[in-house]
């Protein structure tokens, strides 16, 4: 009987210790940033979506060894795009509510898999690209000019850029849906070099 009670006591103590250890690990995990937790995960996994929003990130994190299809980096303090740090197989990238200033250039170093980009709520004054996107949100910035080339796009949001003229450095007919309320003059968009095409 004494032996039985002893084993029960040991079991209860061990169980309590395990519970305490688990609680300690949970508390330690709470202290880690989302990015620090990501860096602890296997790099050879494929992540459909990863949330690094509102994580006090000051520069584009090095995710070049990770495969992440949809990445949320919104509400951080990033000021510059660093292409070599972008994750493999990236399709959708949210950089809204960051600290991007002045010119934003999407170069040919950008992964060709990237199709959807959200740059809304920054302080970008000009946007240029040499790559093809399907969707771009660049609303609520400080845009004065935007150049997209003549690649087909599904969606473009340039609204709430009061300094942006209705004369575009791209042909609006190549974009299926354009949201453009609250730009400089709220007139129909026209192609700067060929004003015959108008979109209401």
N, C-alpha and C. Protein backbone atom coordinates (compact mmCIF):
# COMPACT_ATOMS: atom_id res chain seq x y z
N UNK A 1 0.82 -1.21 0.00
CA UNK A 1 0.00 0.00 0.00
C UNK A 1 0.86 1.26 0.00
N UNK A 2 1.92 1.24 0.84
CA UNK A 2 2.83 2.39 0.89
C UNK A 2 3.49 2.62 -0.46
N UNK A 3 3.88 1.48 -1.10
CA UNK A 3 4.52 1.58 -2.43
C UNK A 3 3.57 2.20 -3.45
N UNK A 4 2.30 1.78 -3.37
CA UNK A 4 1.30 2.30 -4.29
C UNK A 4 1.12 3.81 -4.10
N UNK A 5 1.04 4.24 -2.85
CA UNK A 5 0.90 5.66 -2.56
C UNK A 5 2.11 6.45 -3.03
N UNK A 6 3.29 5.82 -2.89
CA UNK A 6 4.53 6.49 -3.32
C UNK A 6 4.51 6.73 -4.83
N UNK A 7 4.11 5.69 -5.58
CA UNK A 7 4.08 5.83 -7.05
C UNK A 7 3.04 6.85 -7.49
N UNK A 8 1.89 6.87 -6.78
CA UNK A 8 0.87 7.87 -7.10
C UNK A 8 1.41 9.27 -6.85
N UNK A 9 2.12 9.43 -5.73
CA UNK A 9 2.71 10.73 -5.38
C UNK A 9 3.72 11.18 -6.43
N UNK A 10 4.59 10.24 -6.83
CA UNK A 10 5.59 10.55 -7.86
C UNK A 10 4.92 10.94 -9.17
N UNK A 11 3.86 10.22 -9.52
CA UNK A 11 3.14 10.53 -10.75
C UNK A 11 2.52 11.90 -10.73
N UNK A 12 1.94 12.27 -9.59
CA UNK A 12 1.33 13.59 -9.45
C UNK A 12 2.38 14.68 -9.55
N UNK A 13 3.54 14.47 -8.88
CA UNK A 13 4.63 15.45 -8.92
C UNK A 13 5.14 15.63 -10.34
N UNK A 14 5.35 14.52 -11.04
CA UNK A 14 5.84 14.58 -12.43
C UNK A 14 4.85 15.31 -13.33
N UNK A 15 3.55 15.00 -13.12
CA UNK A 15 2.51 15.65 -13.91
C UNK A 15 2.50 17.15 -13.67
N UNK A 16 2.66 17.54 -12.40
CA UNK A 16 2.70 18.97 -12.07
C UNK A 16 3.91 19.64 -12.69
N UNK A 17 5.05 18.93 -12.64
CA UNK A 17 6.28 19.49 -13.24
C UNK A 17 6.13 19.67 -14.74
N UNK A 18 5.52 18.66 -15.41
CA UNK A 18 5.31 18.76 -16.86
C UNK A 18 4.40 19.93 -17.20
N UNK A 19 3.33 20.09 -16.40
CA UNK A 19 2.41 21.20 -16.61
C UNK A 19 3.12 22.54 -16.44
N UNK A 20 3.95 22.62 -15.39
CA UNK A 20 4.71 23.85 -15.14
C UNK A 20 5.67 24.14 -16.29
N UNK A 21 6.35 23.07 -16.77
CA UNK A 21 7.29 23.24 -17.89
C UNK A 21 6.57 23.73 -19.14
N UNK A 22 5.38 23.17 -19.39
CA UNK A 22 4.60 23.59 -20.55
C UNK A 22 4.19 25.05 -20.44
N UNK A 23 3.80 25.45 -19.21
CA UNK A 23 3.41 26.84 -18.99
C UNK A 23 4.60 27.78 -19.20
N UNK A 24 5.78 27.35 -18.72
CA UNK A 24 6.99 28.15 -18.90
C UNK A 24 7.31 28.32 -20.38
N UNK A 25 7.19 27.21 -21.14
CA UNK A 25 7.46 27.27 -22.58
C UNK A 25 6.47 28.20 -23.29
N UNK A 26 5.21 28.16 -22.85
CA UNK A 26 4.20 29.05 -23.44
C UNK A 26 4.54 30.51 -23.17
N UNK A 27 4.98 30.78 -21.94
CA UNK A 27 5.35 32.15 -21.58
C UNK A 27 6.56 32.62 -22.37
N UNK A 28 7.53 31.69 -22.56
CA UNK A 28 8.72 32.04 -23.34
C UNK A 28 8.35 32.32 -24.80
N UNK A 29 7.41 31.51 -25.32
CA UNK A 29 6.98 31.69 -26.72
C UNK A 29 6.28 33.03 -26.90
N UNK A 30 5.55 33.47 -25.87
CA UNK A 30 4.86 34.75 -25.95
C UNK A 30 5.84 35.91 -26.09
N UNK A 31 7.04 35.74 -25.55
CA UNK A 31 8.04 36.81 -25.58
C UNK A 31 8.73 36.91 -26.95
N UNK A 32 8.63 35.83 -27.74
CA UNK A 32 9.27 35.82 -29.06
C UNK A 32 8.42 36.59 -30.06
N UNK A 33 9.07 37.25 -31.00
CA UNK A 33 8.33 37.90 -32.08
C UNK A 33 7.88 36.84 -33.08
N UNK A 34 6.96 37.22 -33.95
CA UNK A 34 6.50 36.28 -34.99
C UNK A 34 7.66 35.86 -35.89
N UNK A 35 8.54 36.82 -36.17
CA UNK A 35 9.68 36.52 -37.03
C UNK A 35 10.64 35.55 -36.36
N UNK A 36 10.88 35.73 -35.08
CA UNK A 36 11.76 34.81 -34.34
C UNK A 36 11.19 33.40 -34.32
N UNK A 37 9.87 33.30 -34.20
CA UNK A 37 9.23 31.99 -34.23
C UNK A 37 9.38 31.35 -35.60
N UNK A 38 9.21 32.15 -36.66
CA UNK A 38 9.39 31.63 -38.02
C UNK A 38 10.80 31.09 -38.22
N UNK A 39 11.80 31.81 -37.73
CA UNK A 39 13.19 31.38 -37.89
C UNK A 39 13.48 30.06 -37.16
N UNK A 40 12.60 29.65 -36.25
CA UNK A 40 12.77 28.39 -35.54
C UNK A 40 12.10 27.22 -36.27
N UNK A 41 11.30 27.53 -37.29
CA UNK A 41 10.57 26.50 -38.02
C UNK A 41 11.41 25.93 -39.16
N UNK A 42 11.08 24.72 -39.61
CA UNK A 42 11.85 24.10 -40.70
C UNK A 42 11.82 24.94 -41.98
N UNK A 43 12.98 25.13 -42.58
CA UNK A 43 13.08 25.96 -43.78
C UNK A 43 12.63 25.22 -45.04
N UNK A 44 12.58 23.89 -44.96
CA UNK A 44 12.24 23.11 -46.15
C UNK A 44 10.73 22.90 -46.30
N UNK A 45 9.95 23.47 -45.38
CA UNK A 45 8.50 23.35 -45.48
C UNK A 45 7.95 24.40 -46.44
N UNK A 46 6.76 24.13 -46.96
CA UNK A 46 6.08 25.10 -47.82
C UNK A 46 4.92 25.70 -47.03
N UNK A 47 4.95 27.00 -46.86
CA UNK A 47 3.91 27.68 -46.09
C UNK A 47 2.96 28.39 -47.04
N UNK A 48 1.69 28.04 -46.99
CA UNK A 48 0.69 28.70 -47.83
C UNK A 48 0.52 30.16 -47.43
N UNK A 49 0.57 30.42 -46.12
CA UNK A 49 0.40 31.78 -45.62
C UNK A 49 1.20 31.94 -44.34
N UNK A 50 1.86 33.10 -44.20
CA UNK A 50 2.52 33.40 -42.93
C UNK A 50 2.28 34.87 -42.58
N UNK A 51 1.91 35.07 -41.31
CA UNK A 51 1.55 36.40 -40.82
C UNK A 51 2.69 37.00 -40.00
N UNK A 52 3.32 38.04 -40.54
CA UNK A 52 4.35 38.79 -39.82
C UNK A 52 3.90 40.24 -39.62
N UNK A 53 2.60 40.44 -39.64
CA UNK A 53 2.08 41.80 -39.50
C UNK A 53 2.26 42.31 -38.07
N UNK A 54 2.40 43.63 -37.95
CA UNK A 54 2.45 44.28 -36.64
C UNK A 54 3.50 43.62 -35.73
N UNK A 55 4.70 43.44 -36.26
CA UNK A 55 5.75 42.71 -35.54
C UNK A 55 6.99 43.57 -35.29
N UNK A 56 6.86 44.87 -35.44
CA UNK A 56 7.97 45.82 -35.20
C UNK A 56 9.20 45.53 -36.05
N UNK A 57 8.97 45.06 -37.27
CA UNK A 57 10.08 44.73 -38.18
C UNK A 57 10.54 46.01 -38.88
N UNK A 58 11.83 46.30 -38.81
CA UNK A 58 12.36 47.56 -39.33
C UNK A 58 12.98 47.44 -40.72
N UNK A 59 13.33 46.23 -41.13
CA UNK A 59 13.86 46.03 -42.48
C UNK A 59 13.34 44.71 -43.01
N UNK A 60 13.35 44.59 -44.33
CA UNK A 60 12.80 43.39 -44.95
C UNK A 60 13.55 42.16 -44.42
N UNK A 61 12.85 41.21 -43.79
CA UNK A 61 13.53 40.05 -43.19
C UNK A 61 14.06 39.10 -44.25
N UNK A 62 15.13 38.41 -43.92
CA UNK A 62 15.71 37.45 -44.85
C UNK A 62 14.91 36.16 -44.81
N UNK A 63 14.07 35.98 -45.81
CA UNK A 63 13.22 34.79 -45.91
C UNK A 63 13.56 33.99 -47.16
N UNK A 64 14.75 34.21 -47.68
CA UNK A 64 15.15 33.61 -48.96
C UNK A 64 15.21 32.09 -48.93
N UNK A 65 15.35 31.50 -47.75
CA UNK A 65 15.42 30.04 -47.65
C UNK A 65 14.07 29.42 -47.36
N UNK A 66 13.04 30.24 -47.27
CA UNK A 66 11.70 29.75 -46.97
C UNK A 66 10.82 29.79 -48.22
N UNK A 67 9.87 28.87 -48.28
CA UNK A 67 8.87 28.87 -49.35
C UNK A 67 7.54 29.32 -48.75
N UNK A 68 7.18 30.57 -49.04
CA UNK A 68 5.94 31.14 -48.50
C UNK A 68 5.16 31.74 -49.66
N UNK A 69 3.95 31.26 -49.88
CA UNK A 69 3.17 31.74 -51.02
C UNK A 69 2.49 33.09 -50.75
N UNK A 70 1.93 33.23 -49.55
CA UNK A 70 1.27 34.49 -49.18
C UNK A 70 1.90 35.01 -47.90
N UNK A 71 2.44 36.22 -47.96
CA UNK A 71 3.18 36.78 -46.82
C UNK A 71 2.59 38.13 -46.43
N UNK A 72 2.26 38.26 -45.15
CA UNK A 72 1.72 39.52 -44.63
C UNK A 72 2.77 40.22 -43.77
N UNK A 73 3.31 41.32 -44.28
CA UNK A 73 4.28 42.14 -43.55
C UNK A 73 3.70 43.52 -43.26
N UNK A 74 2.40 43.61 -43.23
CA UNK A 74 1.76 44.91 -43.02
C UNK A 74 1.97 45.42 -41.59
N UNK A 75 1.83 46.74 -41.44
CA UNK A 75 1.92 47.40 -40.13
C UNK A 75 3.26 47.14 -39.44
N UNK A 76 4.32 47.30 -40.22
CA UNK A 76 5.67 47.25 -39.67
C UNK A 76 6.37 48.58 -39.97
N UNK A 77 7.69 48.58 -39.99
CA UNK A 77 8.44 49.82 -40.21
C UNK A 77 9.44 49.68 -41.35
N UNK A 78 9.09 48.87 -42.34
CA UNK A 78 9.97 48.58 -43.47
C UNK A 78 10.01 49.78 -44.42
N UNK A 79 11.21 50.14 -44.86
CA UNK A 79 11.38 51.30 -45.74
C UNK A 79 11.87 50.94 -47.13
N UNK A 80 12.32 49.70 -47.30
CA UNK A 80 12.96 49.34 -48.57
C UNK A 80 12.68 47.88 -48.91
N UNK A 81 12.42 47.65 -50.19
CA UNK A 81 12.25 46.29 -50.69
C UNK A 81 13.62 45.68 -50.95
N UNK A 82 13.88 44.49 -50.42
CA UNK A 82 15.15 43.81 -50.66
C UNK A 82 14.86 42.47 -51.33
N UNK A 83 15.04 42.46 -52.64
CA UNK A 83 14.59 41.33 -53.46
C UNK A 83 15.27 40.02 -53.11
N UNK A 84 16.56 40.07 -52.78
CA UNK A 84 17.29 38.84 -52.50
C UNK A 84 16.82 38.17 -51.21
N UNK A 85 16.08 38.91 -50.40
CA UNK A 85 15.58 38.36 -49.13
C UNK A 85 14.16 37.80 -49.25
N UNK A 86 13.55 37.96 -50.40
CA UNK A 86 12.16 37.52 -50.54
C UNK A 86 12.06 36.00 -50.56
N UNK A 87 10.96 35.47 -50.03
CA UNK A 87 10.81 34.00 -49.98
C UNK A 87 10.61 33.39 -51.35
N UNK A 88 10.97 32.12 -51.45
CA UNK A 88 10.75 31.39 -52.69
C UNK A 88 9.24 31.24 -52.92
N UNK A 89 8.86 31.18 -54.15
CA UNK A 89 7.47 30.89 -54.54
C UNK A 89 6.47 31.92 -54.05
N UNK A 90 6.93 33.13 -53.72
CA UNK A 90 6.01 34.16 -53.23
C UNK A 90 5.02 34.56 -54.32
N UNK A 91 3.75 34.55 -54.00
CA UNK A 91 2.69 34.92 -54.94
C UNK A 91 2.01 36.21 -54.51
N UNK A 92 1.80 36.35 -53.21
CA UNK A 92 1.07 37.51 -52.68
C UNK A 92 1.85 38.13 -51.52
N UNK A 93 2.05 39.45 -51.60
CA UNK A 93 2.84 40.15 -50.58
C UNK A 93 2.10 41.40 -50.12
N UNK A 94 1.89 41.48 -48.81
CA UNK A 94 1.21 42.64 -48.22
C UNK A 94 2.23 43.50 -47.48
N UNK A 95 2.49 44.69 -48.01
CA UNK A 95 3.42 45.65 -47.39
C UNK A 95 2.69 46.94 -47.02
N UNK A 96 1.40 46.85 -46.82
CA UNK A 96 0.63 48.05 -46.47
C UNK A 96 1.00 48.52 -45.07
N UNK A 97 0.77 49.82 -44.83
CA UNK A 97 1.03 50.41 -43.50
C UNK A 97 2.48 50.21 -43.07
N UNK A 98 3.42 50.53 -43.96
CA UNK A 98 4.84 50.52 -43.62
C UNK A 98 5.40 51.92 -43.81
N UNK A 99 6.72 52.02 -43.97
CA UNK A 99 7.36 53.34 -44.04
C UNK A 99 8.02 53.60 -45.40
N UNK A 100 7.45 53.04 -46.48
CA UNK A 100 8.02 53.28 -47.81
C UNK A 100 7.82 54.74 -48.20
N UNK A 101 8.89 55.35 -48.69
CA UNK A 101 8.87 56.77 -49.04
C UNK A 101 9.27 56.97 -50.50
N UNK A 102 8.82 58.07 -51.08
CA UNK A 102 9.27 58.55 -52.39
C UNK A 102 9.08 57.48 -53.46
N UNK A 103 10.16 57.13 -54.18
CA UNK A 103 10.03 56.24 -55.34
C UNK A 103 10.02 54.78 -54.93
N UNK A 104 9.16 54.02 -55.61
CA UNK A 104 9.14 52.57 -55.42
C UNK A 104 9.30 51.94 -56.79
N UNK A 105 10.36 51.15 -56.95
CA UNK A 105 10.66 50.53 -58.24
C UNK A 105 10.67 49.01 -58.07
N UNK A 106 9.81 48.35 -58.82
CA UNK A 106 9.74 46.90 -58.79
C UNK A 106 10.59 46.37 -59.94
N UNK A 107 11.81 45.94 -59.62
CA UNK A 107 12.79 45.61 -60.65
C UNK A 107 12.64 44.17 -61.14
N UNK A 108 13.45 43.82 -62.14
CA UNK A 108 13.41 42.46 -62.67
C UNK A 108 14.06 41.44 -61.73
N UNK A 109 14.56 41.92 -60.58
CA UNK A 109 15.08 41.00 -59.56
C UNK A 109 13.95 40.43 -58.70
N UNK A 110 12.77 41.00 -58.86
CA UNK A 110 11.60 40.51 -58.12
C UNK A 110 11.28 39.09 -58.58
N UNK A 111 10.98 38.17 -57.64
CA UNK A 111 10.60 36.81 -58.06
C UNK A 111 9.44 36.84 -59.05
N UNK A 112 9.58 36.09 -60.11
CA UNK A 112 8.57 36.09 -61.17
C UNK A 112 7.24 35.49 -60.70
N UNK A 113 7.27 34.80 -59.57
CA UNK A 113 6.05 34.21 -59.03
C UNK A 113 5.12 35.25 -58.41
N UNK A 114 5.66 36.43 -58.05
CA UNK A 114 4.86 37.46 -57.38
C UNK A 114 3.79 38.01 -58.33
N UNK A 115 2.53 37.93 -57.90
CA UNK A 115 1.42 38.40 -58.74
C UNK A 115 0.54 39.44 -58.05
N UNK A 116 0.49 39.41 -56.72
CA UNK A 116 -0.37 40.35 -55.99
C UNK A 116 0.47 41.13 -54.99
N UNK A 117 0.37 42.47 -55.05
CA UNK A 117 1.18 43.32 -54.18
C UNK A 117 0.30 44.41 -53.57
N UNK A 118 0.39 44.55 -52.25
CA UNK A 118 -0.35 45.59 -51.54
C UNK A 118 0.63 46.58 -50.93
N UNK A 119 0.61 47.81 -51.44
CA UNK A 119 1.48 48.88 -50.93
C UNK A 119 0.66 50.04 -50.36
N UNK A 120 -0.57 49.80 -50.04
CA UNK A 120 -1.45 50.87 -49.58
C UNK A 120 -0.99 51.42 -48.23
N UNK A 121 -1.37 52.66 -47.99
CA UNK A 121 -1.06 53.34 -46.72
C UNK A 121 0.44 53.40 -46.43
N UNK A 122 1.20 53.87 -47.42
CA UNK A 122 2.60 54.22 -47.24
C UNK A 122 2.74 55.70 -47.60
N UNK A 123 3.91 56.10 -48.02
CA UNK A 123 4.10 57.50 -48.44
C UNK A 123 4.88 57.54 -49.75
N UNK A 124 4.45 56.70 -50.69
CA UNK A 124 5.12 56.54 -51.97
C UNK A 124 4.67 57.65 -52.93
N UNK A 125 5.64 58.31 -53.58
CA UNK A 125 5.30 59.40 -54.50
C UNK A 125 5.30 58.95 -55.96
N UNK A 126 6.10 57.94 -56.29
CA UNK A 126 6.10 57.42 -57.67
C UNK A 126 6.30 55.91 -57.65
N UNK A 127 5.65 55.25 -58.60
CA UNK A 127 5.74 53.79 -58.69
C UNK A 127 6.07 53.41 -60.12
N UNK A 128 7.09 52.55 -60.27
CA UNK A 128 7.48 52.04 -61.58
C UNK A 128 7.74 50.55 -61.48
N UNK A 129 7.50 49.86 -62.56
CA UNK A 129 7.74 48.42 -62.56
C UNK A 129 8.18 47.94 -63.94
N UNK A 130 8.98 46.90 -63.94
CA UNK A 130 9.34 46.25 -65.20
C UNK A 130 8.83 44.81 -65.21
N UNK A 131 8.09 44.45 -64.16
CA UNK A 131 7.54 43.09 -64.12
C UNK A 131 6.02 43.16 -64.19
N UNK A 132 5.42 42.02 -64.42
CA UNK A 132 3.98 41.94 -64.60
C UNK A 132 3.30 41.44 -63.32
N UNK A 133 2.35 42.23 -62.81
CA UNK A 133 1.54 41.81 -61.67
C UNK A 133 0.10 41.60 -62.13
N UNK A 134 -0.65 40.83 -61.36
CA UNK A 134 -2.08 40.68 -61.62
C UNK A 134 -2.91 41.69 -60.82
N UNK A 135 -2.46 41.95 -59.58
CA UNK A 135 -3.20 42.87 -58.72
C UNK A 135 -2.22 43.79 -57.99
N UNK A 136 -2.55 45.08 -57.95
CA UNK A 136 -1.75 46.05 -57.22
C UNK A 136 -2.66 47.02 -56.48
N UNK A 137 -2.44 47.12 -55.17
CA UNK A 137 -3.14 48.13 -54.35
C UNK A 137 -2.10 49.13 -53.88
N UNK A 138 -2.23 50.37 -54.34
CA UNK A 138 -1.28 51.42 -53.95
C UNK A 138 -2.08 52.68 -53.57
N UNK A 139 -3.26 52.43 -53.06
CA UNK A 139 -4.13 53.51 -52.59
C UNK A 139 -3.60 54.12 -51.30
N UNK A 140 -4.07 55.34 -51.01
CA UNK A 140 -3.71 56.04 -49.77
C UNK A 140 -2.20 56.20 -49.61
N UNK A 141 -1.58 56.72 -50.65
CA UNK A 141 -0.17 57.08 -50.62
C UNK A 141 -0.04 58.57 -50.92
N UNK A 142 1.08 58.93 -51.49
CA UNK A 142 1.31 60.32 -51.89
C UNK A 142 1.69 60.35 -53.37
N UNK A 143 1.06 59.48 -54.15
CA UNK A 143 1.43 59.27 -55.55
C UNK A 143 1.28 60.52 -56.40
N UNK A 144 2.30 60.76 -57.23
CA UNK A 144 2.25 61.80 -58.25
C UNK A 144 2.36 61.18 -59.64
N UNK A 145 2.93 59.98 -59.72
CA UNK A 145 3.03 59.28 -61.01
C UNK A 145 3.06 57.78 -60.78
N UNK A 146 2.55 57.05 -61.78
CA UNK A 146 2.57 55.59 -61.73
C UNK A 146 2.76 55.07 -63.14
N UNK A 147 3.69 54.15 -63.31
CA UNK A 147 3.97 53.55 -64.62
C UNK A 147 3.94 52.04 -64.49
N UNK A 148 3.13 51.41 -65.33
CA UNK A 148 2.95 49.96 -65.23
C UNK A 148 3.41 49.21 -66.46
N UNK A 149 3.77 49.89 -67.52
CA UNK A 149 3.99 49.19 -68.77
C UNK A 149 2.64 48.83 -69.36
N UNK A 150 2.62 47.95 -70.31
CA UNK A 150 1.37 47.58 -70.96
C UNK A 150 1.07 46.10 -70.81
N UNK A 151 1.27 45.60 -69.59
CA UNK A 151 0.92 44.22 -69.30
C UNK A 151 -0.51 44.15 -68.78
N UNK A 152 -1.20 43.08 -69.08
CA UNK A 152 -2.57 42.89 -68.61
C UNK A 152 -2.59 42.75 -67.09
N UNK A 153 -3.53 43.45 -66.45
CA UNK A 153 -3.73 43.34 -65.01
C UNK A 153 -5.20 43.10 -64.71
N UNK A 154 -5.46 42.40 -63.60
CA UNK A 154 -6.85 42.17 -63.19
C UNK A 154 -7.40 43.33 -62.36
N UNK A 155 -6.54 43.92 -61.52
CA UNK A 155 -7.05 44.89 -60.54
C UNK A 155 -5.98 45.90 -60.18
N UNK A 156 -6.40 47.18 -60.07
CA UNK A 156 -5.51 48.25 -59.65
C UNK A 156 -6.29 49.24 -58.80
N UNK A 157 -5.77 49.54 -57.61
CA UNK A 157 -6.39 50.55 -56.74
C UNK A 157 -5.41 51.70 -56.54
N UNK A 158 -5.74 52.86 -57.10
CA UNK A 158 -4.91 54.06 -56.95
C UNK A 158 -5.68 55.17 -56.23
N UNK A 159 -6.74 54.80 -55.56
CA UNK A 159 -7.60 55.79 -54.92
C UNK A 159 -6.91 56.50 -53.76
N UNK A 160 -7.46 57.67 -53.43
CA UNK A 160 -6.95 58.47 -52.30
C UNK A 160 -5.47 58.83 -52.45
N UNK A 161 -5.15 59.28 -53.66
CA UNK A 161 -3.84 59.87 -53.96
C UNK A 161 -4.09 61.24 -54.57
N UNK A 162 -4.36 62.24 -53.75
CA UNK A 162 -4.85 63.54 -54.25
C UNK A 162 -3.90 64.31 -55.16
N UNK A 163 -2.63 63.90 -55.23
CA UNK A 163 -1.68 64.58 -56.13
C UNK A 163 -1.57 63.88 -57.48
N UNK A 164 -2.23 62.76 -57.62
CA UNK A 164 -2.10 61.95 -58.84
C UNK A 164 -3.04 62.46 -59.93
N UNK A 165 -2.46 62.77 -61.08
CA UNK A 165 -3.25 63.24 -62.22
C UNK A 165 -4.05 62.09 -62.82
N UNK A 166 -5.08 62.45 -63.60
CA UNK A 166 -5.82 61.42 -64.33
C UNK A 166 -5.08 60.97 -65.58
N UNK A 167 -3.97 61.64 -65.93
CA UNK A 167 -3.17 61.25 -67.08
C UNK A 167 -2.15 60.20 -66.64
N UNK A 168 -2.35 58.98 -67.14
CA UNK A 168 -1.56 57.84 -66.68
C UNK A 168 -0.40 57.54 -67.62
N UNK A 169 0.70 57.04 -67.04
CA UNK A 169 1.83 56.59 -67.84
C UNK A 169 1.68 55.11 -68.19
N UNK A 170 0.46 54.69 -68.36
CA UNK A 170 0.15 53.34 -68.83
C UNK A 170 -1.24 53.42 -69.45
N UNK A 171 -1.56 52.45 -70.27
CA UNK A 171 -2.85 52.46 -70.94
C UNK A 171 -3.89 51.76 -70.07
N UNK A 172 -4.89 52.49 -69.57
CA UNK A 172 -5.89 51.89 -68.67
C UNK A 172 -6.65 50.71 -69.26
N UNK A 173 -6.67 50.60 -70.57
CA UNK A 173 -7.44 49.51 -71.18
C UNK A 173 -6.83 48.13 -70.87
N UNK A 174 -5.59 48.12 -70.39
CA UNK A 174 -4.95 46.85 -70.06
C UNK A 174 -5.29 46.37 -68.65
N UNK A 175 -6.07 47.15 -67.91
CA UNK A 175 -6.44 46.78 -66.54
C UNK A 175 -7.95 46.53 -66.48
N UNK A 176 -8.35 45.36 -66.01
CA UNK A 176 -9.77 45.02 -65.98
C UNK A 176 -10.57 45.92 -65.03
N UNK A 177 -10.06 46.11 -63.81
CA UNK A 177 -10.76 46.92 -62.81
C UNK A 177 -9.80 47.94 -62.20
N UNK A 178 -10.18 49.22 -62.26
CA UNK A 178 -9.37 50.28 -61.65
C UNK A 178 -10.23 51.09 -60.69
N UNK A 179 -9.79 51.19 -59.45
CA UNK A 179 -10.43 52.07 -58.47
C UNK A 179 -9.60 53.34 -58.40
N UNK A 180 -10.21 54.49 -58.70
CA UNK A 180 -9.41 55.71 -58.81
C UNK A 180 -10.12 56.93 -58.24
N UNK A 181 -10.99 56.74 -57.26
CA UNK A 181 -11.66 57.89 -56.64
C UNK A 181 -10.67 58.71 -55.80
N UNK A 182 -10.95 59.98 -55.69
CA UNK A 182 -10.14 60.91 -54.90
C UNK A 182 -8.69 61.00 -55.38
N UNK A 183 -8.51 61.17 -56.70
CA UNK A 183 -7.20 61.57 -57.21
C UNK A 183 -7.29 63.07 -57.53
N UNK A 184 -6.29 63.65 -58.18
CA UNK A 184 -6.16 65.11 -58.29
C UNK A 184 -7.41 65.81 -58.82
N UNK A 185 -7.97 65.30 -59.91
CA UNK A 185 -9.10 66.02 -60.50
C UNK A 185 -10.34 65.16 -60.69
N UNK A 186 -10.24 63.88 -60.31
CA UNK A 186 -11.38 62.97 -60.40
C UNK A 186 -12.01 62.90 -61.80
N UNK A 187 -11.20 63.16 -62.81
CA UNK A 187 -11.66 63.02 -64.19
C UNK A 187 -11.40 61.58 -64.65
N UNK A 188 -12.01 61.16 -65.75
CA UNK A 188 -11.73 59.84 -66.29
C UNK A 188 -10.24 59.67 -66.59
N UNK A 189 -9.75 58.46 -66.41
CA UNK A 189 -8.33 58.19 -66.65
C UNK A 189 -8.04 58.18 -68.15
N UNK A 190 -6.91 58.77 -68.52
CA UNK A 190 -6.48 58.76 -69.92
C UNK A 190 -5.02 58.36 -70.00
N UNK A 191 -4.67 57.76 -71.12
CA UNK A 191 -3.29 57.38 -71.39
C UNK A 191 -2.53 58.65 -71.79
N UNK A 192 -1.48 58.98 -71.08
CA UNK A 192 -0.76 60.24 -71.25
C UNK A 192 -0.25 60.42 -72.68
N UNK A 193 0.19 59.32 -73.30
CA UNK A 193 0.77 59.43 -74.64
C UNK A 193 -0.26 59.23 -75.74
N UNK A 194 -1.45 58.78 -75.35
CA UNK A 194 -2.49 58.55 -76.35
C UNK A 194 -3.83 58.72 -75.65
N UNK A 195 -4.38 59.90 -75.70
CA UNK A 195 -5.52 60.24 -74.86
C UNK A 195 -6.87 59.84 -75.45
N UNK A 196 -6.85 59.04 -76.48
CA UNK A 196 -8.11 58.69 -77.12
C UNK A 196 -8.90 57.69 -76.28
N UNK A 197 -8.20 56.93 -75.42
CA UNK A 197 -8.90 55.92 -74.62
C UNK A 197 -9.25 56.50 -73.25
N UNK A 198 -10.52 56.41 -72.89
CA UNK A 198 -10.99 56.95 -71.62
C UNK A 198 -11.72 55.86 -70.84
N UNK A 199 -11.49 55.82 -69.53
CA UNK A 199 -12.21 54.87 -68.68
C UNK A 199 -12.94 55.64 -67.60
N UNK A 200 -14.21 55.37 -67.46
CA UNK A 200 -15.02 56.07 -66.45
C UNK A 200 -14.75 55.47 -65.08
